[in-house]
Each structure stands twice: as structure tokens, then as C-alpha cells.
């Protein structure tokens, strides 16, 4: 199961809003953008910054971006096992 599918399943379970959350306001990058990049192989925030520009402005988004990447990677590892 991919990261976006898990996000939708959780949102449906808890009746959460499915609109994307902006993580990086400076570059207008959403949580869905970050999950998609993680699924495409981005493994850390340094690569995420190179690919999407996340953290290239004020940098306050880096902690949240890292949490999203880590959660996706953990999900990928658990699903592969």
C-alpha cells in the first residue's frame, strides 16, 4: 500500500479533510507532493530540497517534511517485509 493510499484510509477512518496540507509555504509544497517524492525514491530532506525545493526558503518546514519521509519509508519497509 502506498503512502497516499494510507493517508486516504486514515482520513476516511477518522473523517478527516482530504485536502492537501501545505508543508512548505515558501515553495507551495504539500504533504502529498512529499509523499509522492518519497515513493519515487527520495530518502531524506536533502534530496527532497534538491528535487522539490522544500526548505529552500525559511526552512521551518524541514522537520515536518522529514517526518513525512520517515513515515513513508517505514511504511514501504513494513509493506515489503
C-alpha atoms as a PDB file:
ATOM      1  CA  UNK A   1       0.000   0.000   0.000  1.00  0.00           C
ATOM      2  CA  UNK A   2       1.490   3.365  -0.952  1.00  0.00           C
ATOM      3  CA  UNK A   3       1.773   6.404   1.307  1.00  0.00           C
ATOM      4  CA  UNK A   4      -1.064   8.299  -0.360  1.00  0.00           C
ATOM      5  CA  UNK A   5      -3.430   5.340  -0.024  1.00  0.00           C
ATOM      6  CA  UNK A   6      -2.630   5.098   3.673  1.00  0.00           C
ATOM      7  CA  UNK A   7      -3.289   8.818   4.104  1.00  0.00           C
ATOM      8  CA  UNK A   8      -6.685   8.444   2.430  1.00  0.00           C
ATOM      9  CA  UNK A   9      -7.547   5.377   4.524  1.00  0.00           C
ATOM     10  CA  UNK A  10      -6.682   7.189   7.745  1.00  0.00           C
ATOM     11  CA  UNK A  11      -8.597  10.277   6.681  1.00  0.00           C
ATOM     12  CA  UNK A  12     -11.647   8.189   5.821  1.00  0.00           C
ATOM     13  CA  UNK A  13     -11.468   6.299   9.107  1.00  0.00           C
ATOM     14  CA  UNK A  14     -11.353   9.463  11.160  1.00  0.00           C
ATOM     15  CA  UNK A  15     -13.468  11.535   8.763  1.00  0.00           C
ATOM     16  CA  UNK A  16     -10.627  13.960   8.191  1.00  0.00           C
ATOM     17  CA  UNK A  17     -10.358  16.540   5.474  1.00  0.00           C
ATOM     18  CA  UNK A  18      -8.661  15.081   2.376  1.00  0.00           C
ATOM     19  CA  UNK A  19      -7.370  18.389   1.049  1.00  0.00           C
ATOM     20  CA  UNK A  20      -3.592  18.535   0.872  1.00  0.00           C
ATOM     21  CA  UNK A  21      -1.777  20.254   3.706  1.00  0.00           C
ATOM     22  CA  UNK A  22       0.868  22.779   2.739  1.00  0.00           C
ATOM     23  CA  UNK A  23       4.095  21.802   4.442  1.00  0.00           C
ATOM     24  CA  UNK A  24       6.393  24.282   2.684  1.00  0.00           C
ATOM     25  CA  UNK A  25       4.587  27.578   2.319  1.00  0.00           C
ATOM     26  CA  UNK A  26       7.567  29.270   0.640  1.00  0.00           C
ATOM     27  CA  UNK A  27       7.547  26.788  -2.265  1.00  0.00           C
ATOM     28  CA  UNK A  28       3.844  25.746  -2.073  1.00  0.00           C
ATOM     29  CA  UNK A  29       4.719  22.068  -1.473  1.00  0.00           C
ATOM     30  CA  UNK A  30       2.049  19.831   0.046  1.00  0.00           C
ATOM     31  CA  UNK A  31       2.244  16.658   2.096  1.00  0.00           C
ATOM     32  CA  UNK A  32       1.030  14.765  -0.976  1.00  0.00           C
ATOM     33  CA  UNK A  33       3.947  16.170  -3.002  1.00  0.00           C
ATOM     34  CA  UNK A  34       6.377  14.967  -0.350  1.00  0.00           C
ATOM     35  CA  UNK A  35       4.796  11.501  -0.123  1.00  0.00           C
ATOM     36  CA  UNK A  36       4.949  11.198  -3.913  1.00  0.00           C
ATOM     37  CA  UNK A  37       8.634  12.139  -3.895  1.00  0.00           C
ATOM     38  CA  UNK A  38       9.310   9.604  -1.115  1.00  0.00           C
ATOM     39  CA  UNK A  39       7.620   6.886  -3.148  1.00  0.00           C
ATOM     40  CA  UNK A  40       9.810   7.871  -6.107  1.00  0.00           C
ATOM     41  CA  UNK A  41      12.941   7.259  -4.045  1.00  0.00           C
ATOM     42  CA  UNK A  42      13.658  10.466  -2.152  1.00  0.00           C
ATOM     43  CA  UNK A  43      15.123   9.187   1.116  1.00  0.00           C
ATOM     44  CA  UNK A  44      15.931  12.333   3.096  1.00  0.00           C
ATOM     45  CA  UNK A  45      15.273  16.055   3.295  1.00  0.00           C
ATOM     46  CA  UNK A  46      18.487  16.941   1.482  1.00  0.00           C
ATOM     47  CA  UNK A  47      17.299  15.073  -1.596  1.00  0.00           C
ATOM     48  CA  UNK A  48      13.808  16.489  -1.123  1.00  0.00           C
ATOM     49  CA  UNK A  49      15.251  20.016  -1.162  1.00  0.00           C
ATOM     50  CA  UNK A  50      17.160  19.227  -4.342  1.00  0.00           C
ATOM     51  CA  UNK A  51      14.100  17.736  -6.016  1.00  0.00           C
ATOM     52  CA  UNK A  52      11.253  20.000  -4.865  1.00  0.00           C
ATOM     53  CA  UNK A  53      12.913  22.962  -3.200  1.00  0.00           C
ATOM     54  CA  UNK A  54      11.421  22.135   0.210  1.00  0.00           C
ATOM     55  CA  UNK A  55      13.307  24.068   2.881  1.00  0.00           C
ATOM     56  CA  UNK A  56      14.931  26.316   0.315  1.00  0.00           C
ATOM     57  CA  UNK A  57      13.213  29.378   1.773  1.00  0.00           C
ATOM     58  CA  UNK A  58      12.808  29.888   5.505  1.00  0.00           C
ATOM     59  CA  UNK A  59      13.443  26.220   6.429  1.00  0.00           C
ATOM     60  CA  UNK A  60      10.706  25.896   9.043  1.00  0.00           C
ATOM     61  CA  UNK A  61       9.132  23.032   7.082  1.00  0.00           C
ATOM     62  CA  UNK A  62      12.116  20.687   7.279  1.00  0.00           C
ATOM     63  CA  UNK A  63      11.056  18.870  10.459  1.00  0.00           C
ATOM     64  CA  UNK A  64       7.576  18.111   9.115  1.00  0.00           C
ATOM     65  CA  UNK A  65       8.971  17.105   5.727  1.00  0.00           C
ATOM     66  CA  UNK A  66      11.394  14.725   7.422  1.00  0.00           C
ATOM     67  CA  UNK A  67       8.565  13.164   9.466  1.00  0.00           C
ATOM     68  CA  UNK A  68       6.554  12.538   6.298  1.00  0.00           C
ATOM     69  CA  UNK A  69       9.517  10.967   4.501  1.00  0.00           C
ATOM     70  CA  UNK A  70      10.343   8.784   7.523  1.00  0.00           C
ATOM     71  CA  UNK A  71       6.730   7.605   7.797  1.00  0.00           C
ATOM     72  CA  UNK A  72       6.627   6.715   4.097  1.00  0.00           C
ATOM     73  CA  UNK A  73       9.925   4.846   4.291  1.00  0.00           C
ATOM     74  CA  UNK A  74       8.766   2.931   7.375  1.00  0.00           C
ATOM     75  CA  UNK A  75       5.561   2.018   5.553  1.00  0.00           C
ATOM     76  CA  UNK A  76       7.477   0.887   2.476  1.00  0.00           C
ATOM     77  CA  UNK A  77       9.756  -1.302   4.604  1.00  0.00           C
ATOM     78  CA  UNK A  78       6.860  -2.793   6.552  1.00  0.00           C
ATOM     79  CA  UNK A  79       4.897  -3.487   3.388  1.00  0.00           C
ATOM     80  CA  UNK A  80       7.914  -5.116   1.716  1.00  0.00           C
ATOM     81  CA  UNK A  81       8.520  -7.445   4.645  1.00  0.00           C
END
